[in-house]
Every structure is written in structure tokens, then in C-alpha cells.
Amino acid sequence: MLFSLCGCYSLAKRMPVKRVYTPELLLKMRREMEAGEELREFEMERLVVTKADFAEALSNVSKSVGHDQLRRFEAWEAEFGSK
């Protein structure tokens, strides 16, 4: 479960970068640089990690533990775990 949460967080924190660096935007930036224009500042709201970023990341993360492994852990936890 911890690995899944870490994977979800890792994906979510990269979402603002994906929003900012789309192929279209990179092409536009390249044209501006070639024309000698200064690159303007990006809007801060495009760089904020949102709840939607986490929702999208959750949809892209696969389970790290199978059902049989989970059942074995639950049995072990019931017998040896501290509660």
C-alpha cells in the first residue's frame, strides 16, 4: 500500500509539469527563442498540484500487492501482529 501511495504521489507531483510542457507549448517556446523573444513567466496556477492531478495519478497506478499476498499477510498479522 505504501508503494502505491508513493507511486501516486510521484505521478501527481509531475502533473503540473505535464500541463506546462505540452508538445504545442514546447514548439511555441522554441519559436519564441529562435525569434529572440523573451519567454514570459508561466501562470502560477498551472504549476500547482491539484486534487484532479491526484485523481489522474490514482487511475494510472497499478496495485503493488496481489490478493494472495494480501491474504497471507492478513493471516500472518492475525497470528503474529500486534494489536
N, C-alpha and C. Protein backbone atom coordinates (compact mmCIF):
# COMPACT_ATOMS: atom_id res chain seq x y z
N MET A 1 0.83 -1.19 0.00
CA MET A 1 0.00 0.00 0.00
C MET A 1 0.87 1.25 0.00
N LEU A 2 1.95 1.23 0.78
CA LEU A 2 2.84 2.39 0.85
C LEU A 2 3.45 2.67 -0.52
N PHE A 3 3.86 1.61 -1.24
CA PHE A 3 4.45 1.82 -2.55
C PHE A 3 3.43 2.42 -3.51
N SER A 4 2.17 2.00 -3.41
CA SER A 4 1.13 2.56 -4.27
C SER A 4 0.92 4.03 -3.97
N LEU A 5 0.94 4.40 -2.69
CA LEU A 5 0.79 5.81 -2.32
C LEU A 5 1.97 6.63 -2.82
N CYS A 6 3.16 6.06 -2.70
CA CYS A 6 4.34 6.78 -3.19
C CYS A 6 4.28 6.95 -4.70
N GLY A 7 3.83 5.90 -5.39
CA GLY A 7 3.70 5.99 -6.84
C GLY A 7 2.66 7.01 -7.24
N CYS A 8 1.57 7.05 -6.51
CA CYS A 8 0.50 8.02 -6.78
C CYS A 8 1.02 9.43 -6.56
N TYR A 9 1.71 9.64 -5.47
CA TYR A 9 2.25 10.97 -5.18
C TYR A 9 3.25 11.37 -6.25
N SER A 10 4.10 10.44 -6.63
CA SER A 10 5.10 10.73 -7.64
C SER A 10 4.47 11.15 -8.96
N LEU A 11 3.42 10.43 -9.37
CA LEU A 11 2.72 10.80 -10.60
C LEU A 11 2.02 12.14 -10.47
N ALA A 12 1.36 12.35 -9.34
CA ALA A 12 0.60 13.59 -9.15
C ALA A 12 1.50 14.82 -9.15
N LYS A 13 2.68 14.70 -8.54
CA LYS A 13 3.54 15.88 -8.48
C LYS A 13 4.12 16.23 -9.84
N ARG A 14 4.11 15.28 -10.78
CA ARG A 14 4.60 15.59 -12.14
C ARG A 14 3.52 16.15 -13.05
N MET A 15 2.25 16.11 -12.64
CA MET A 15 1.16 16.56 -13.50
C MET A 15 1.28 18.03 -13.89
N PRO A 16 1.63 18.95 -12.97
CA PRO A 16 1.77 20.34 -13.42
C PRO A 16 2.83 20.50 -14.50
N VAL A 17 3.89 19.72 -14.41
CA VAL A 17 4.93 19.79 -15.44
C VAL A 17 4.38 19.30 -16.76
N LYS A 18 3.58 18.24 -16.73
CA LYS A 18 2.97 17.75 -17.96
C LYS A 18 2.03 18.79 -18.55
N ARG A 19 1.32 19.52 -17.69
CA ARG A 19 0.42 20.57 -18.19
C ARG A 19 1.20 21.69 -18.84
N VAL A 20 2.32 22.05 -18.25
CA VAL A 20 3.10 23.17 -18.76
C VAL A 20 3.87 22.78 -20.01
N TYR A 21 4.47 21.62 -20.01
CA TYR A 21 5.32 21.23 -21.12
C TYR A 21 4.61 20.30 -22.09
N THR A 22 3.58 20.80 -22.72
CA THR A 22 2.90 20.06 -23.77
C THR A 22 3.70 20.23 -25.06
N PRO A 23 3.57 19.32 -26.02
CA PRO A 23 4.30 19.47 -27.28
C PRO A 23 4.02 20.81 -27.97
N GLU A 24 2.77 21.26 -27.91
CA GLU A 24 2.42 22.53 -28.54
C GLU A 24 3.14 23.70 -27.87
N LEU A 25 3.18 23.68 -26.55
CA LEU A 25 3.85 24.75 -25.82
C LEU A 25 5.35 24.74 -26.07
N LEU A 26 5.94 23.56 -26.11
CA LEU A 26 7.37 23.47 -26.38
C LEU A 26 7.70 24.02 -27.76
N LEU A 27 6.86 23.73 -28.74
CA LEU A 27 7.06 24.25 -30.09
C LEU A 27 6.96 25.78 -30.09
N LYS A 28 5.97 26.31 -29.38
CA LYS A 28 5.80 27.76 -29.29
C LYS A 28 7.01 28.40 -28.60
N MET A 29 7.49 27.78 -27.53
CA MET A 29 8.66 28.30 -26.83
C MET A 29 9.88 28.30 -27.74
N ARG A 30 10.05 27.23 -28.51
CA ARG A 30 11.18 27.15 -29.43
C ARG A 30 11.12 28.28 -30.46
N ARG A 31 9.92 28.52 -31.00
CA ARG A 31 9.76 29.61 -31.98
C ARG A 31 10.11 30.96 -31.36
N GLU A 32 9.64 31.19 -30.13
CA GLU A 32 9.92 32.46 -29.45
C GLU A 32 11.41 32.63 -29.20
N MET A 33 12.08 31.55 -28.79
CA MET A 33 13.52 31.62 -28.54
C MET A 33 14.27 31.89 -29.84
N GLU A 34 13.87 31.22 -30.92
CA GLU A 34 14.53 31.43 -32.21
C GLU A 34 14.32 32.85 -32.72
N ALA A 35 13.17 33.44 -32.39
CA ALA A 35 12.88 34.81 -32.82
C ALA A 35 13.54 35.84 -31.91
N GLY A 36 14.19 35.37 -30.84
CA GLY A 36 14.87 36.27 -29.92
C GLY A 36 13.94 36.90 -28.90
N GLU A 37 12.73 36.40 -28.78
CA GLU A 37 11.79 36.95 -27.80
C GLU A 37 12.08 36.36 -26.42
N GLU A 38 11.82 37.16 -25.39
CA GLU A 38 11.97 36.66 -24.03
C GLU A 38 10.79 35.77 -23.69
N LEU A 39 11.07 34.70 -22.98
CA LEU A 39 9.98 33.82 -22.54
C LEU A 39 9.28 34.46 -21.36
N ARG A 40 7.99 34.56 -21.44
CA ARG A 40 7.23 35.17 -20.35
C ARG A 40 7.03 34.16 -19.22
N GLU A 41 6.74 34.69 -18.05
CA GLU A 41 6.52 33.85 -16.87
C GLU A 41 5.24 33.04 -17.04
N PHE A 42 5.28 31.80 -16.57
CA PHE A 42 4.07 30.98 -16.62
C PHE A 42 3.17 31.32 -15.44
N GLU A 43 1.90 31.13 -15.64
CA GLU A 43 0.94 31.41 -14.57
C GLU A 43 1.13 30.40 -13.44
N MET A 44 1.11 30.90 -12.19
CA MET A 44 1.35 30.03 -11.04
C MET A 44 0.32 28.91 -10.92
N GLU A 45 -0.94 29.18 -11.27
CA GLU A 45 -1.95 28.14 -11.12
C GLU A 45 -1.68 26.94 -12.01
N ARG A 46 -0.90 27.11 -13.08
CA ARG A 46 -0.56 25.97 -13.93
C ARG A 46 0.48 25.08 -13.26
N LEU A 47 1.15 25.60 -12.23
CA LEU A 47 2.22 24.86 -11.58
C LEU A 47 1.81 24.23 -10.25
N VAL A 48 0.57 24.40 -9.85
CA VAL A 48 0.08 23.88 -8.57
C VAL A 48 -0.45 22.46 -8.76
N VAL A 49 -0.10 21.56 -7.84
CA VAL A 49 -0.63 20.20 -7.87
C VAL A 49 -2.06 20.25 -7.33
N THR A 50 -3.00 19.73 -8.12
CA THR A 50 -4.41 19.80 -7.75
C THR A 50 -4.95 18.44 -7.35
N LYS A 51 -6.17 18.44 -6.82
CA LYS A 51 -6.86 17.19 -6.48
C LYS A 51 -7.07 16.36 -7.75
N ALA A 52 -7.34 17.03 -8.86
CA ALA A 52 -7.52 16.33 -10.13
C ALA A 52 -6.24 15.63 -10.56
N ASP A 53 -5.08 16.21 -10.23
CA ASP A 53 -3.80 15.56 -10.53
C ASP A 53 -3.69 14.24 -9.77
N PHE A 54 -4.11 14.25 -8.49
CA PHE A 54 -4.07 13.02 -7.71
C PHE A 54 -5.07 12.00 -8.25
N ALA A 55 -6.24 12.46 -8.66
CA ALA A 55 -7.24 11.54 -9.22
C ALA A 55 -6.71 10.89 -10.48
N GLU A 56 -6.06 11.67 -11.34
CA GLU A 56 -5.49 11.10 -12.56
C GLU A 56 -4.35 10.14 -12.24
N ALA A 57 -3.53 10.51 -11.27
CA ALA A 57 -2.42 9.64 -10.87
C ALA A 57 -2.94 8.32 -10.31
N LEU A 58 -4.01 8.37 -9.50
CA LEU A 58 -4.60 7.15 -8.95
C LEU A 58 -5.09 6.23 -10.06
N SER A 59 -5.60 6.80 -11.12
CA SER A 59 -6.09 5.97 -12.23
C SER A 59 -4.95 5.34 -13.01
N ASN A 60 -3.72 5.85 -12.85
CA ASN A 60 -2.57 5.33 -13.58
C ASN A 60 -1.68 4.41 -12.75
N VAL A 61 -1.96 4.27 -11.45
CA VAL A 61 -1.12 3.46 -10.57
C VAL A 61 -1.70 2.06 -10.48
N SER A 62 -0.83 1.07 -10.66
CA SER A 62 -1.30 -0.31 -10.54
C SER A 62 -1.05 -0.82 -9.12
N LYS A 63 -1.78 -1.85 -8.74
CA LYS A 63 -1.64 -2.42 -7.40
C LYS A 63 -0.26 -3.06 -7.28
N SER A 64 0.34 -2.89 -6.12
CA SER A 64 1.68 -3.45 -5.91
C SER A 64 1.63 -4.78 -5.17
N VAL A 65 0.46 -5.17 -4.66
CA VAL A 65 0.32 -6.41 -3.90
C VAL A 65 -0.87 -7.18 -4.45
N GLY A 66 -0.66 -8.49 -4.70
CA GLY A 66 -1.73 -9.33 -5.19
C GLY A 66 -2.65 -9.78 -4.07
N HIS A 67 -3.81 -10.33 -4.46
CA HIS A 67 -4.80 -10.79 -3.47
C HIS A 67 -4.23 -11.90 -2.59
N ASP A 68 -3.49 -12.85 -3.18
CA ASP A 68 -2.94 -13.95 -2.38
C ASP A 68 -1.90 -13.44 -1.38
N GLN A 69 -1.09 -12.48 -1.78
CA GLN A 69 -0.12 -11.89 -0.85
C GLN A 69 -0.82 -11.15 0.28
N LEU A 70 -1.89 -10.47 -0.05
CA LEU A 70 -2.65 -9.74 0.96
C LEU A 70 -3.28 -10.70 1.96
N ARG A 71 -3.84 -11.80 1.48
CA ARG A 71 -4.44 -12.80 2.37
C ARG A 71 -3.38 -13.42 3.28
N ARG A 72 -2.20 -13.73 2.73
CA ARG A 72 -1.12 -14.29 3.55
C ARG A 72 -0.69 -13.30 4.62
N PHE A 73 -0.59 -12.02 4.26
CA PHE A 73 -0.21 -11.01 5.24
C PHE A 73 -1.27 -10.87 6.33
N GLU A 74 -2.54 -10.87 5.94
CA GLU A 74 -3.61 -10.75 6.92
C GLU A 74 -3.60 -11.93 7.89
N ALA A 75 -3.33 -13.14 7.37
CA ALA A 75 -3.23 -14.32 8.24
C ALA A 75 -2.04 -14.18 9.19
N TRP A 76 -0.91 -13.73 8.67
CA TRP A 76 0.27 -13.54 9.49
C TRP A 76 0.01 -12.47 10.54
N GLU A 77 -0.62 -11.36 10.13
CA GLU A 77 -0.93 -10.26 11.05
C GLU A 77 -1.86 -10.73 12.16
N ALA A 78 -2.84 -11.58 11.82
CA ALA A 78 -3.77 -12.09 12.83
C ALA A 78 -3.05 -12.97 13.84
N GLU A 79 -2.07 -13.73 13.37
CA GLU A 79 -1.37 -14.65 14.26
C GLU A 79 -0.23 -13.97 15.04
N PHE A 80 0.57 -13.16 14.37
CA PHE A 80 1.78 -12.62 14.99
C PHE A 80 1.77 -11.10 15.19
N GLY A 81 0.86 -10.40 14.56
CA GLY A 81 0.86 -8.94 14.62
C GLY A 81 0.49 -8.40 15.98
N SER A 82 0.80 -7.16 16.20
CA SER A 82 0.48 -6.53 17.49
C SER A 82 -0.76 -5.67 17.33
N LYS A 83 -1.73 -5.95 18.18
CA LYS A 83 -2.98 -5.18 18.16
C LYS A 83 -3.42 -4.91 19.56
